[in-house]
Protein backbone atom coordinates (compact mmCIF):
# COMPACT_ATOMS: atom_id res chain seq x y z
CA MET A 1 2.40 1.20 261.17
CA ARG A 2 -0.69 -0.35 259.59
CA GLY A 3 0.31 -3.81 260.84
CA GLU A 4 0.80 -2.40 264.32
CA ARG A 5 -2.67 -0.82 264.29
CA THR A 6 -4.19 -4.11 263.09
CA GLN A 7 -2.45 -5.99 265.90
CA LEU A 8 -3.70 -3.49 268.48
CA LYS A 9 -7.24 -3.81 267.12
CA LEU A 10 -7.09 -7.61 267.34
CA GLN A 11 -5.80 -7.39 270.89
CA ALA A 12 -8.65 -5.05 271.80
CA ASN A 13 -11.15 -7.50 270.28
CA TRP A 14 -9.73 -10.38 272.28
CA ARG A 15 -9.76 -8.31 275.48
CA LEU A 16 -13.42 -7.44 274.93
CA ALA A 17 -14.17 -11.09 274.20
CA ALA A 18 -12.44 -12.13 277.40
CA GLU A 19 -14.40 -9.55 279.39
CA MET A 20 -17.64 -10.82 277.87
CA GLY A 21 -16.61 -14.37 278.69
CA ARG A 22 -15.92 -13.48 282.32
CA SER A 23 -19.22 -11.61 282.65
CA LEU A 24 -21.47 -14.13 280.90
CA ALA A 25 -19.72 -17.48 280.96
CA GLY A 26 -20.37 -18.31 284.58
CA SER A 27 -22.18 -21.54 285.37
CA ALA A 28 -25.56 -19.80 285.78
CA ALA A 29 -25.22 -17.88 282.52
CA LEU A 30 -24.23 -21.00 280.61
CA SER A 31 -27.35 -22.79 281.86
CA PRO A 32 -30.13 -20.20 281.90
CA LYS A 33 -33.44 -21.50 283.22
CA ILE A 34 -35.89 -20.09 280.71
CA SER A 35 -39.39 -20.42 282.12
CA GLY A 36 -41.58 -18.05 280.14
CA LEU A 37 -42.08 -14.98 277.99
CA VAL A 38 -42.21 -11.76 280.03
CA VAL A 39 -41.82 -9.06 277.34
CA PRO A 40 -43.16 -9.82 273.84
CA ILE A 41 -41.07 -8.36 271.02
CA ARG A 42 -43.07 -7.76 267.87
CA LEU A 43 -41.49 -7.32 264.46
CA LEU A 44 -42.16 -4.24 262.34
CA MET A 45 -43.08 -6.29 259.26
CA MET A 46 -45.97 -8.73 259.04
CA GLY A 47 -45.53 -11.95 257.11
CA SER A 48 -47.27 -12.99 253.89
CA ALA A 49 -50.43 -15.07 254.26
CA HIS A 50 -49.87 -16.42 250.73
CA ARG A 51 -46.37 -17.67 251.57
CA GLY A 52 -47.71 -19.04 254.85
CA ALA A 53 -50.34 -21.07 252.99
CA GLN A 54 -47.63 -22.40 250.69
CA ILE A 55 -45.48 -23.44 253.64
CA TYR A 56 -48.46 -25.18 255.22
CA ARG A 57 -48.76 -27.21 252.00
CA GLY A 58 -45.07 -28.10 252.15
CA HIS A 59 -43.81 -25.60 249.56
CA PHE A 60 -40.80 -23.67 250.91
CA CYS A 61 -39.66 -20.84 248.63
CA PHE A 62 -36.41 -19.03 249.50
CA ASN A 63 -34.04 -17.07 247.27
CA GLY A 64 -36.22 -17.67 244.23
CA ARG A 65 -36.23 -21.48 244.59
CA THR A 66 -39.16 -23.62 245.77
CA ILE A 67 -38.66 -27.06 247.32
CA HIS A 68 -41.54 -29.37 248.24
CA SER A 69 -41.16 -31.50 251.34
CA ARG A 70 -43.37 -34.23 249.80
CA GLY A 71 -44.51 -35.53 253.16
CA ALA A 72 -40.96 -35.90 254.54
CA SER A 73 -39.18 -33.59 256.94
CA ILE A 74 -38.11 -30.40 255.19
CA PHE A 75 -34.98 -30.47 257.35
CA GLU A 76 -33.81 -33.64 255.55
CA ILE A 77 -33.55 -31.79 252.22
CA SER A 78 -30.12 -32.38 250.66
CA GLU A 79 -30.32 -30.78 247.22
CA ALA A 80 -30.67 -27.15 248.42
CA ASP A 81 -27.77 -24.69 248.31
CA ALA A 82 -26.27 -23.03 251.39
CA ALA A 83 -28.21 -19.75 251.05
CA TRP A 84 -31.53 -21.63 250.80
CA LEU A 85 -30.69 -23.73 253.87
CA GLU A 86 -29.71 -20.66 255.87
CA GLU A 87 -33.13 -19.15 255.18
CA LEU A 88 -34.82 -22.39 256.18
CA HIS A 89 -32.89 -22.79 259.43
CA GLY A 90 -33.25 -19.09 260.27
CA PHE A 91 -37.04 -19.56 260.77
CA ALA A 92 -37.91 -15.98 259.75
CA TRP A 93 -40.75 -17.57 257.73
CA LEU A 94 -42.68 -18.24 260.95
CA THR A 95 -44.24 -14.79 260.42
CA ASP A 96 -45.78 -16.09 257.18
CA LEU A 97 -47.51 -18.94 259.01
CA GLU A 98 -48.75 -16.48 261.63
CA ALA A 99 -50.11 -14.17 258.91
CA THR A 100 -52.55 -16.85 257.74
CA GLY A 101 -54.51 -16.44 260.96
CA LEU A 102 -55.28 -20.17 260.97
CA GLU A 103 -55.08 -22.41 264.01
CA LEU A 104 -53.82 -25.20 261.78
CA ALA A 105 -50.88 -22.99 260.77
CA ARG A 106 -50.04 -22.49 264.45
CA VAL A 107 -50.10 -26.25 265.05
CA HIS A 108 -47.98 -26.78 261.95
CA ALA A 109 -45.42 -24.18 263.13
CA ARG A 110 -45.08 -25.97 266.47
CA ALA A 111 -44.66 -29.29 264.67
CA LEU A 112 -41.87 -27.88 262.48
CA ILE A 113 -40.00 -26.48 265.50
CA SER A 114 -40.40 -29.77 267.38
CA ASP A 115 -39.10 -31.61 264.31
CA TRP A 116 -36.09 -29.30 264.15
CA LEU A 117 -35.32 -29.73 267.87
CA ASP A 118 -35.62 -33.50 267.63
CA ARG A 119 -32.94 -33.39 264.89
CA ASP A 120 -30.77 -30.81 266.66
CA THR A 121 -27.54 -32.78 266.39
CA GLY A 122 -28.13 -33.97 262.83
CA HIS A 123 -28.60 -30.71 260.94
CA LYS A 124 -26.36 -29.63 258.11
CA ARG A 125 -23.48 -27.27 258.74
CA SER A 126 -25.39 -24.33 257.26
CA ALA A 127 -27.81 -24.54 260.22
CA ASP A 128 -24.99 -23.98 262.69
CA GLY A 129 -23.49 -20.74 261.38
CA LEU A 130 -23.25 -18.06 264.01
CA THR A 131 -25.52 -15.58 262.20
CA VAL A 132 -28.04 -18.36 261.44
CA VAL A 133 -28.17 -19.37 265.11
CA ALA A 134 -28.68 -15.73 266.08
CA ARG A 135 -31.47 -15.29 263.50
CA ARG A 136 -33.17 -18.50 264.65
CA LEU A 137 -33.14 -17.38 268.29
CA MET A 138 -34.65 -14.01 267.34
CA SER A 139 -37.28 -15.66 265.12
CA TRP A 140 -38.38 -18.05 267.85
CA ILE A 141 -38.57 -15.25 270.44
CA THR A 142 -40.63 -12.91 268.24
CA ALA A 143 -42.93 -15.78 267.21
CA ALA A 144 -43.39 -16.94 270.81
CA PRO A 145 -46.86 -15.33 271.36
CA PHE A 146 -48.08 -17.12 268.22
CA LEU A 147 -46.45 -20.44 269.13
CA LEU A 148 -47.34 -20.63 272.82
CA ASP A 149 -51.09 -20.05 272.59
CA HIS A 150 -52.73 -23.32 273.80
CA ALA A 151 -49.39 -25.15 273.49
CA SER A 152 -48.96 -28.47 275.27
CA ALA A 153 -46.70 -28.89 278.28
CA ASP A 154 -44.41 -31.14 276.24
CA PHE A 155 -43.92 -28.46 273.57
CA LEU A 156 -43.33 -25.76 276.19
CA ALA A 157 -40.64 -27.80 277.90
CA LYS A 158 -38.96 -28.58 274.58
CA PHE A 159 -39.22 -24.95 273.39
CA TRP A 160 -37.76 -23.45 276.59
CA ALA A 161 -34.94 -26.00 276.51
CA GLY A 162 -34.23 -25.14 272.87
CA LEU A 163 -34.04 -21.42 273.65
CA SER A 164 -31.70 -22.11 276.59
CA SER A 165 -29.44 -24.18 274.34
CA HIS A 166 -29.30 -21.42 271.73
CA ILE A 167 -28.49 -18.77 274.34
CA ARG A 168 -25.73 -20.89 275.80
CA ASP A 169 -24.31 -21.59 272.34
CA LEU A 170 -24.25 -17.91 271.39
CA GLN A 171 -22.68 -16.88 274.70
CA LEU A 172 -19.81 -19.32 274.30
CA ARG A 173 -19.15 -18.86 270.59
CA SER A 174 -19.47 -15.07 270.52
CA THR A 175 -16.60 -14.75 273.01
CA LEU A 176 -14.28 -16.36 270.44
CA CYS A 177 -15.55 -14.52 267.36
CA ILE A 178 -13.62 -11.50 266.07
CA SER A 179 -15.90 -10.66 263.11
CA PRO A 180 -17.61 -7.34 263.98
CA SER A 181 -20.78 -8.13 262.01
CA ARG A 182 -21.17 -11.60 263.55
CA ARG A 183 -20.52 -10.30 267.03
CA LEU A 184 -23.20 -7.68 266.49
CA ALA A 185 -25.64 -10.37 265.31
CA CYS A 186 -24.91 -12.40 268.45
CA ALA A 187 -25.30 -9.38 270.71
CA THR A 188 -28.64 -8.50 269.10
CA ALA A 189 -30.01 -12.02 269.54
CA LEU A 190 -28.83 -12.18 273.15
CA ALA A 191 -30.44 -8.79 273.79
CA TYR A 192 -33.74 -10.17 272.47
CA ALA A 193 -33.42 -13.03 274.94
CA ALA A 194 -32.41 -10.74 277.82
CA ILE A 195 -35.42 -8.48 277.26
CA ALA A 196 -38.08 -11.07 276.43
CA LEU A 197 -37.39 -14.21 278.43
CA SER A 198 -37.94 -14.99 282.07
CA GLY A 199 -34.70 -16.20 283.62
CA MET A 200 -32.43 -13.78 281.75
CA GLU A 201 -33.03 -10.72 283.95
CA PRO A 202 -29.71 -10.95 285.88
CA TRP A 203 -27.73 -10.46 282.66
CA ARG A 204 -30.00 -7.92 280.97
CA ALA A 205 -27.93 -4.80 281.72
CA THR A 206 -24.63 -6.49 280.80
CA ILE A 207 -25.94 -7.79 277.49
CA LEU A 208 -27.45 -4.42 276.53
CA ASP A 209 -24.13 -2.72 277.30
CA TRP A 210 -22.36 -5.27 275.12
CA LEU A 211 -24.85 -4.64 272.32
CA ALA A 212 -24.17 -0.91 272.60
CA ASP A 213 -20.42 -1.54 272.26
CA ARG A 214 -20.84 -3.83 269.26
CA LEU A 215 -23.25 -1.44 267.55
CA ASP A 216 -20.91 1.49 268.08
CA ALA A 217 -18.19 -0.48 266.27
CA GLN A 218 -20.41 -0.85 263.19
CA ILE A 219 -22.21 2.51 263.07
CA LEU A 220 -20.24 5.53 261.89
CA PRO A 221 -20.55 8.94 263.59
CA ASP A 222 -22.91 10.16 260.85
CA GLY A 223 -25.19 7.14 261.33
CA GLY A 224 -24.08 5.10 258.31
CA HIS A 225 -23.05 1.46 258.42
CA ALA A 226 -19.35 0.60 258.31
CA SER A 227 -19.88 -1.41 255.12
CA ARG A 228 -21.30 1.71 253.37
CA ASN A 229 -24.17 -0.48 252.14
CA PRO A 230 -27.53 1.21 252.87
CA ALA A 231 -29.28 -2.19 252.94
CA GLU A 232 -27.20 -3.19 255.96
CA LEU A 233 -28.48 -0.12 257.79
CA VAL A 234 -32.08 -1.12 257.02
CA GLN A 235 -31.57 -4.67 258.31
CA LEU A 236 -30.06 -3.39 261.55
CA LEU A 237 -32.96 -1.01 262.09
CA LEU A 238 -35.46 -3.81 261.39
CA ASP A 239 -33.78 -5.82 264.16
CA LEU A 240 -33.11 -3.09 266.70
CA THR A 241 -36.24 -0.94 266.43
CA PRO A 242 -38.53 -3.69 267.85
CA LEU A 243 -36.09 -4.05 270.73
CA ARG A 244 -36.25 -0.31 271.44
CA LEU A 245 -40.05 -0.27 271.26
CA ALA A 246 -40.31 -3.20 273.68
CA CYS A 247 -38.00 -1.43 276.14
CA GLU A 248 -40.05 1.77 275.91
CA MET A 249 -43.35 -0.05 276.40
CA HIS A 250 -42.13 -1.98 279.45
CA ARG A 251 -40.02 0.85 280.93
CA ILE A 252 -36.71 -0.95 280.51
CA THR A 253 -33.75 1.42 280.44
CA MET A 254 -31.58 1.22 277.36
CA PRO A 255 -27.90 2.25 277.63
CA PRO A 256 -27.47 5.85 276.39
CA PRO A 257 -24.86 4.82 273.75
CA LEU A 258 -27.35 2.32 272.30
CA GLN A 259 -30.10 4.92 272.19
CA ALA A 260 -27.72 7.45 270.64
CA ALA A 261 -26.67 5.04 267.89
CA LEU A 262 -30.30 4.41 266.96
CA GLU A 263 -30.98 8.14 266.87
CA ARG A 264 -28.06 8.59 264.44
CA MET A 265 -29.23 5.76 262.19
CA MET A 266 -32.75 7.08 261.56
CA PRO A 267 -31.71 10.35 259.84
CA MET A 268 -29.16 8.39 257.82
CA LEU A 269 -31.91 6.11 256.57
CA ARG A 270 -33.79 9.20 255.36
CA PHE A 271 -30.55 10.36 253.70
CA PHE A 272 -30.58 7.28 251.41
CA LEU A 273 -34.26 7.48 250.43
CA HIS A 274 -35.56 8.47 247.02
CA GLY A 275 -38.96 9.98 246.27
CA ASP A 276 -40.57 6.54 245.90
CA GLY A 277 -39.75 5.81 249.54
CA GLY A 278 -37.13 3.25 248.56
CA LEU A 279 -33.44 2.94 249.23
CA ALA A 280 -30.49 3.99 247.07
CA MET A 281 -28.88 0.83 245.73
CA PHE A 282 -25.19 1.30 246.45
CA GLY A 283 -22.83 -1.36 247.75
CA GLY A 284 -24.34 -4.18 245.72
CA GLY A 285 -27.88 -3.65 246.99
CA ALA A 286 -30.51 -4.94 244.57
CA ASP A 287 -33.77 -4.15 246.38
CA ALA A 288 -35.17 -0.71 247.19
CA LEU A 289 -36.83 -2.20 250.34
CA VAL A 290 -39.73 0.26 250.14
CA ALA A 291 -42.00 -1.62 252.57
CA GLN A 292 -39.19 -2.14 255.07
CA CYS A 293 -38.15 1.52 255.03
CA SER A 294 -41.76 2.62 255.45
CA ALA A 295 -42.24 0.32 258.46
CA ILE A 296 -39.09 1.67 260.12
CA LEU A 297 -40.03 5.31 259.57
CA ASP A 298 -43.57 4.73 260.85
CA SER A 299 -42.07 3.66 264.19
CA ASP A 300 -39.73 6.66 264.44
CA GLY A 301 -40.81 9.32 266.89
CA THR A 302 -37.70 11.53 266.55
CA GLN A 303 -38.29 12.57 262.91
CA GLY A 304 -34.62 13.50 262.55
CA MET A 305 -33.84 15.31 259.30
CA PRO A 306 -31.11 13.89 257.04
CA ILE A 307 -27.80 15.66 256.65
CA SER A 308 -26.53 16.65 253.20
CA ASN A 309 -22.88 15.59 253.45
CA ALA A 310 -22.21 12.28 255.20
CA LEU A 311 -18.47 12.74 255.67
CA HIS A 312 -17.81 9.41 257.38
CA SER A 313 -20.00 7.32 255.07
CA ARG A 314 -18.63 9.23 252.04
CA TYR A 315 -21.95 10.06 250.41
CA MET A 316 -23.60 13.37 249.49
CA ARG A 317 -27.27 14.16 249.03
CA LEU A 318 -28.51 16.92 246.72
CA ALA A 319 -32.27 17.46 247.00
CA HIS A 320 -34.25 20.34 245.50
CA GLY A 321 -37.88 20.34 244.51
CA SER A 322 -38.90 16.77 243.70
CA THR A 323 -35.40 15.80 242.52
CA VAL A 324 -32.98 13.75 244.62
CA VAL A 325 -29.35 13.00 243.74
CA ILE A 326 -27.32 10.67 245.97
CA PHE A 327 -23.60 10.87 245.16
CA ASN A 328 -20.93 8.37 246.21
CA SER A 329 -17.90 10.51 247.06
CA ALA A 330 -15.64 7.64 248.18
CA PRO A 331 -12.12 7.78 246.70
CA ASN A 332 -11.78 4.01 246.24
CA ALA A 333 -13.66 1.21 244.52
CA SER A 334 -14.46 -1.95 246.44
CA SER A 335 -12.56 -5.15 245.63
CA ASP A 336 -15.68 -6.80 244.14
CA GLY A 337 -16.79 -3.74 242.17
CA SER A 338 -19.90 -3.29 244.30
CA VAL A 339 -19.02 0.32 245.14
CA ALA A 340 -18.14 2.48 242.13
CA PRO A 341 -16.39 5.74 243.07
CA LEU A 342 -18.24 8.91 242.03
CA ALA A 343 -21.37 6.98 241.00
CA PHE A 344 -24.70 8.67 241.65
CA GLU A 345 -28.43 7.98 241.55
CA LEU A 346 -31.06 10.38 240.23
CA SER A 347 -34.81 10.36 240.86
CA ASP A 348 -37.69 12.75 240.23
CA GLY A 349 -40.45 12.19 242.75
CA PRO A 350 -41.53 8.53 242.52
CA CYS A 351 -39.63 8.05 239.23
CA ARG A 352 -36.11 6.67 239.33
CA ILE A 353 -34.00 7.73 236.38
CA VAL A 354 -30.34 6.82 236.99
CA THR A 355 -29.63 3.90 239.30
CA ASN A 356 -26.88 1.45 240.25
CA CYS A 357 -28.18 -1.87 239.08
CA GLY A 358 -25.80 -4.31 237.42
CA PRO A 359 -23.43 -5.12 234.55
CA PRO A 360 -23.92 -4.70 230.81
CA LEU A 361 -25.30 -7.66 228.91
CA ARG A 362 -22.80 -10.09 227.44
CA PRO A 363 -23.50 -11.50 223.97
CA ASN A 364 -24.74 -14.81 225.42
CA ASP A 365 -26.93 -13.24 228.11
CA ALA A 366 -30.55 -14.19 227.78
CA GLY A 367 -31.49 -11.90 230.61
CA GLU A 368 -33.43 -14.61 232.41
CA GLY A 369 -32.32 -15.82 235.79
CA ASP A 370 -29.43 -13.36 235.99
CA SER A 371 -29.09 -11.72 239.36
CA PRO A 372 -26.14 -9.32 239.33
CA SER A 373 -25.31 -8.22 242.85
CA ALA A 374 -22.62 -5.67 242.06
CA ASP A 375 -22.76 -2.26 240.45
CA TYR A 376 -20.96 -2.01 237.14
CA GLY A 377 -18.32 0.69 237.41
CA ILE A 378 -19.70 4.03 236.29
CA VAL A 379 -16.31 5.06 234.85
CA THR A 380 -13.87 3.01 232.78
CA LEU A 381 -10.48 4.44 231.88
CA LEU A 382 -8.11 2.44 229.66
CA ALA A 383 -4.57 3.41 228.64
CA ALA A 384 -3.82 3.13 224.94
CA SER A 385 -0.12 3.35 225.80
CA LYS A 386 1.82 2.93 229.02
CA PRO A 387 2.26 6.12 231.08
CA ALA A 388 5.65 7.72 230.74
CA PRO A 389 7.98 6.42 233.48
CA LEU A 390 9.71 8.46 236.11
CA PRO A 391 13.36 7.44 235.55
CA PHE A 392 14.61 8.44 238.98
CA LEU A 393 11.97 6.46 240.88
CA GLU A 394 12.12 3.43 238.60
CA GLY A 395 15.90 3.47 238.88
CA LEU A 396 15.48 3.02 242.61
CA GLY A 397 12.98 0.21 242.07
CA LEU A 398 10.07 2.27 243.42
CA ARG A 399 6.56 2.23 242.01
CA ARG A 400 4.78 5.29 240.75
CA SER A 401 2.46 6.63 243.45
CA ALA A 402 -1.11 7.70 242.80
CA PRO A 403 -1.90 11.38 243.27
CA PRO A 404 -3.41 12.36 246.61
CA GLN A 405 -7.18 12.81 246.79
CA SER A 406 -8.75 15.97 248.13
CA GLU A 407 -11.68 15.94 250.51
CA PRO A 408 -15.16 15.91 248.92
CA MET A 409 -16.88 19.28 248.92
CA LEU A 410 -20.56 20.20 249.05
CA ALA A 411 -21.77 23.80 248.87
CA SER A 412 -25.29 25.22 248.74
CA THR A 413 -26.41 28.61 247.48
CA PRO A 414 -29.82 30.09 246.62
CA ALA A 415 -29.17 28.97 243.04
CA GLY A 416 -28.63 25.31 243.94
CA SER A 417 -26.09 22.80 245.30
CA LEU A 418 -22.61 21.94 244.01
CA ALA A 419 -20.73 18.73 244.90
CA GLU A 420 -17.14 17.84 244.03
CA ALA A 421 -15.11 14.68 244.57
CA ASN A 422 -12.25 12.76 242.96
CA HIS A 423 -10.53 9.38 242.96
CA ALA A 424 -7.36 7.82 241.60
CA CYS A 425 -8.45 4.22 240.99
CA PHE A 426 -6.98 4.32 237.45
CA ALA A 427 -3.97 6.52 238.19
CA LEU A 428 -1.32 3.81 238.43
CA GLN A 429 -2.47 2.12 235.19
CA THR A 430 -3.19 5.21 233.08
CA GLY A 431 -1.54 8.15 234.79
CA TYR A 432 -4.85 10.00 235.27
CA ALA A 433 -7.05 10.78 238.24
CA HIS A 434 -10.79 11.34 237.85
CA GLU A 435 -12.65 14.40 239.13
CA ARG A 436 -16.41 14.91 239.05
CA ARG A 437 -18.60 17.91 239.76
CA LEU A 438 -22.37 17.78 240.13
CA TYR A 439 -24.67 20.80 240.21
CA LEU A 440 -28.40 20.61 240.97
CA SER A 441 -30.46 23.77 240.49
CA SER A 442 -32.69 25.03 243.28
CA SER A 443 -35.77 24.10 241.24
CA GLY A 444 -34.54 20.52 240.85
CA ALA A 445 -35.12 20.69 237.09
CA ASP A 446 -31.46 20.89 236.03
CA LEU A 447 -28.66 18.46 236.95
CA ARG A 448 -25.31 19.23 235.37
CA GLY A 449 -22.13 17.20 235.55
CA GLU A 450 -18.50 17.73 234.64
CA ASP A 451 -15.85 14.99 234.48
CA ARG A 452 -12.14 15.76 234.25
CA PHE A 453 -9.18 13.41 233.90
CA VAL A 454 -6.18 15.01 235.57
CA PRO A 455 -2.65 13.73 234.82
CA ASN A 456 -0.38 12.74 237.68
CA ALA A 457 1.90 15.52 238.86
CA GLY A 458 5.36 15.24 237.32
CA ALA A 459 4.36 12.55 234.85
CA GLU A 460 3.58 12.46 231.15
CA PRO A 461 0.75 9.95 230.80
CA GLY A 462 0.10 8.46 227.42
CA GLU A 463 -3.10 8.37 225.41
CA ALA A 464 -6.14 6.99 227.23
CA HIS A 465 -9.79 6.35 226.43
CA PHE A 466 -12.70 6.87 228.79
CA ALA A 467 -16.25 5.53 229.07
CA LEU A 468 -18.79 7.07 231.44
CA GLY A 469 -21.86 4.97 232.14
CA PHE A 470 -25.28 5.98 233.46
CA HIS A 471 -27.59 3.05 234.17
CA LEU A 472 -31.21 3.87 233.43
CA HIS A 473 -34.00 2.40 235.51
CA PRO A 474 -36.04 -0.23 233.59
CA ASP A 475 -39.09 2.03 233.77
CA VAL A 476 -37.26 4.73 231.76
CA THR A 477 -37.61 4.70 227.97
CA PRO A 478 -34.74 6.55 226.24
CA THR A 479 -35.38 7.96 222.78
CA ARG A 480 -33.11 9.95 220.49
CA ALA A 481 -34.37 13.50 220.14
CA ASN A 482 -35.04 15.08 216.75
CA ASP A 483 -31.76 16.98 216.85
CA GLY A 484 -29.83 13.68 217.09
CA SER A 485 -27.45 15.06 219.73
CA SER A 486 -29.52 14.38 222.84
CA LEU A 487 -31.80 11.79 224.41
CA VAL A 488 -35.33 12.06 225.72
CA LEU A 489 -35.86 9.94 228.84
CA LEU A 490 -39.55 9.19 229.21
CA CYS A 491 -40.45 8.14 232.75
CA GLN A 492 -43.71 7.08 234.31
CA ARG A 493 -46.49 9.57 235.04
CA ASN A 494 -45.66 11.54 231.86
CA ILE A 495 -42.41 12.84 233.33
CA ALA A 496 -39.60 13.32 230.81
CA TRP A 497 -35.98 14.44 231.08
CA ILE A 498 -33.55 15.48 228.35
CA PHE A 499 -29.95 14.20 228.43
CA MET A 500 -27.21 15.99 226.51
CA ALA A 501 -23.42 15.98 226.54
CA ARG A 502 -20.35 17.75 225.11
CA GLY A 503 -16.86 16.35 224.69
CA ALA A 504 -17.93 12.73 224.19
CA GLU A 505 -19.89 10.41 221.91
CA ILE A 506 -23.35 9.38 223.20
CA ALA A 507 -24.43 5.74 222.87
CA LEU A 508 -26.93 3.36 224.42
CA GLU A 509 -25.99 -0.14 225.56
CA PRO A 510 -28.18 -2.96 226.92
CA CYS A 511 -27.64 -3.96 230.54
CA LEU A 512 -29.39 -5.71 233.41
CA CYS A 513 -31.11 -4.19 236.41
CA GLN A 514 -31.98 -6.01 239.63
CA CYS A 515 -34.67 -3.86 241.20
CA GLY A 516 -36.32 -6.00 243.85
CA ALA A 517 -36.58 -9.68 244.61
CA ASP A 518 -37.63 -10.65 241.06
CA ALA A 519 -35.31 -11.74 238.29
CA ALA A 520 -33.10 -9.14 236.66
CA ARG A 521 -34.77 -6.95 234.04
CA LYS A 522 -33.25 -5.72 230.82
CA THR A 523 -32.69 -2.01 230.53
CA LEU A 524 -30.30 0.42 228.84
CA ARG A 525 -27.43 2.57 229.95
CA ILE A 526 -26.11 5.79 228.49
CA VAL A 527 -22.41 5.59 227.62
CA LEU A 528 -20.22 8.63 226.98
CA SER A 529 -16.92 7.70 225.36
CA GLY A 530 -13.89 9.40 223.87
CA CYS A 531 -10.19 10.13 224.23
CA VAL A 532 -8.90 11.80 227.36
CA SER A 533 -7.96 15.43 226.80
CA GLN A 534 -7.62 18.61 228.77
CA THR A 535 -11.20 19.53 227.85
CA PRO A 536 -13.70 18.30 230.46
CA VAL A 537 -16.66 16.14 229.53
CA ARG A 538 -19.83 18.06 230.32
CA TRP A 539 -23.31 16.56 230.45
CA ALA A 540 -26.74 17.45 231.79
CA PHE A 541 -30.10 15.96 232.74
CA LYS A 542 -32.90 18.53 232.35
CA ARG A 543 -36.59 18.06 233.04
CA SER A 544 -38.60 18.57 229.85
CA PRO A 545 -41.97 20.36 229.92
CA ASP A 546 -42.82 19.40 226.31
CA CYS A 547 -41.65 15.84 225.84
CA GLU A 548 -44.56 14.97 223.54
CA LEU A 549 -43.17 17.12 220.69
CA ARG A 550 -39.71 15.60 220.99
CA LEU A 551 -41.04 12.04 221.01
CA ALA A 552 -43.18 12.41 217.90
CA GLY A 553 -42.27 9.81 215.30
CA GLU A 554 -39.31 8.42 217.24
CA GLU A 555 -38.71 4.80 218.25
CA ARG A 556 -36.87 3.25 221.17
CA PRO A 557 -33.24 2.52 220.19
């Protein structure tokens, strides 16, 4: 049945590609005559004048690595890795040159584009990826007002021809692509061209309809991204919001499905925000993207309020007072470990306390230059002995099946909010499923959790050991309280929380945290460990009004 559904989906993708090919691959569409800029599209984020000055001097810094052109063409660089080259050939850094406000920077930007176009057939393979081509087209279109001011006729002719070539390339290649994310990138870039450029008006409505279809395939009914990564949602909004604003300013009608998708995405962005204005870091995200989120929200006129239970994205939000808890209620872990089932993040106003940030430190980790991109699983369950077999099933050669998962539940009362979810990621190896309950009081000062390990129905699982991990933000300083059975978590702005637990041993382990574009920072994580039993593991984070007394005479572990 699953194979049949996959085949039907592929057939639908090919039919849509064929329809797009018939609608856009005519001789006129393949050779658009771009003659000018009719609708400027301005990005939400300004560039960095400092980075622009560095680029003017020949220093190109992408992904933490700086390469100097040393008087040669930067596009001849051979020692850079693929990610660095994709940033270079994407030309998003044109905004940095524009931010300098210097005429020399404008001249230099035109010279770099001319150099790239003169080498069009000799670029490395990383310059020709479909998403890189789409990003380059969007970057050139949004930078056009900066580039075209007092430009020579020779540059104009070369620039318009380069845009036409990119449009033609995307039209042809997107009809053969079946990757939903790449098709959406192509549709977005073509929509930029259809809105902004003179000569693309005949295909404007068709391209916007195609963008609406591609966006609908990636945006869930609750407004979340299909990848479940909040950072992907932010990037889409950074690309699509300028397009919407340009259409509104120039009275261009957007397809209702496209407008509806954008209206769903804005409240979902607010759903993932903590009190510091930054994003929850699930799905391997390593940057809170505070400035980007602020720029998107400043452009939002709908002011849609976030929901509490995102059923399709499989997240829950508990928010009372200044406290925010974002809970991943998905029943499955991702293949790369970037999505840990039943993980959560906790913040108090601008202070992040528990976050998803990276793996524990290995003995040979120096902590410098490490950039973990995946969350370390919040729960580890290991079997000390193999689960008891089911003779009847194993006699037939059948595998033990994992127990079914129930739907996540979120309930709110005047006393607070209660969330419940479970998963069976360890059930086949250990014979246990994992259930978690979270309760946040109405004041926001009390977060309580309960973890249970439930044996498979009809089985007799053997002994197993558990480890529950809570990554602390690097700005949190944990200290053992005077009673020795709890921890004081000292945050910024003199905010402190008390952590306590029953049914497990409390320990602190070093780990890494990638919070932003800088190198990973060392931090600590709380680990609760013990043997699985019928007694649940209960723990709590409580805001402390008198942290100074508890911290007296104590040192950081």
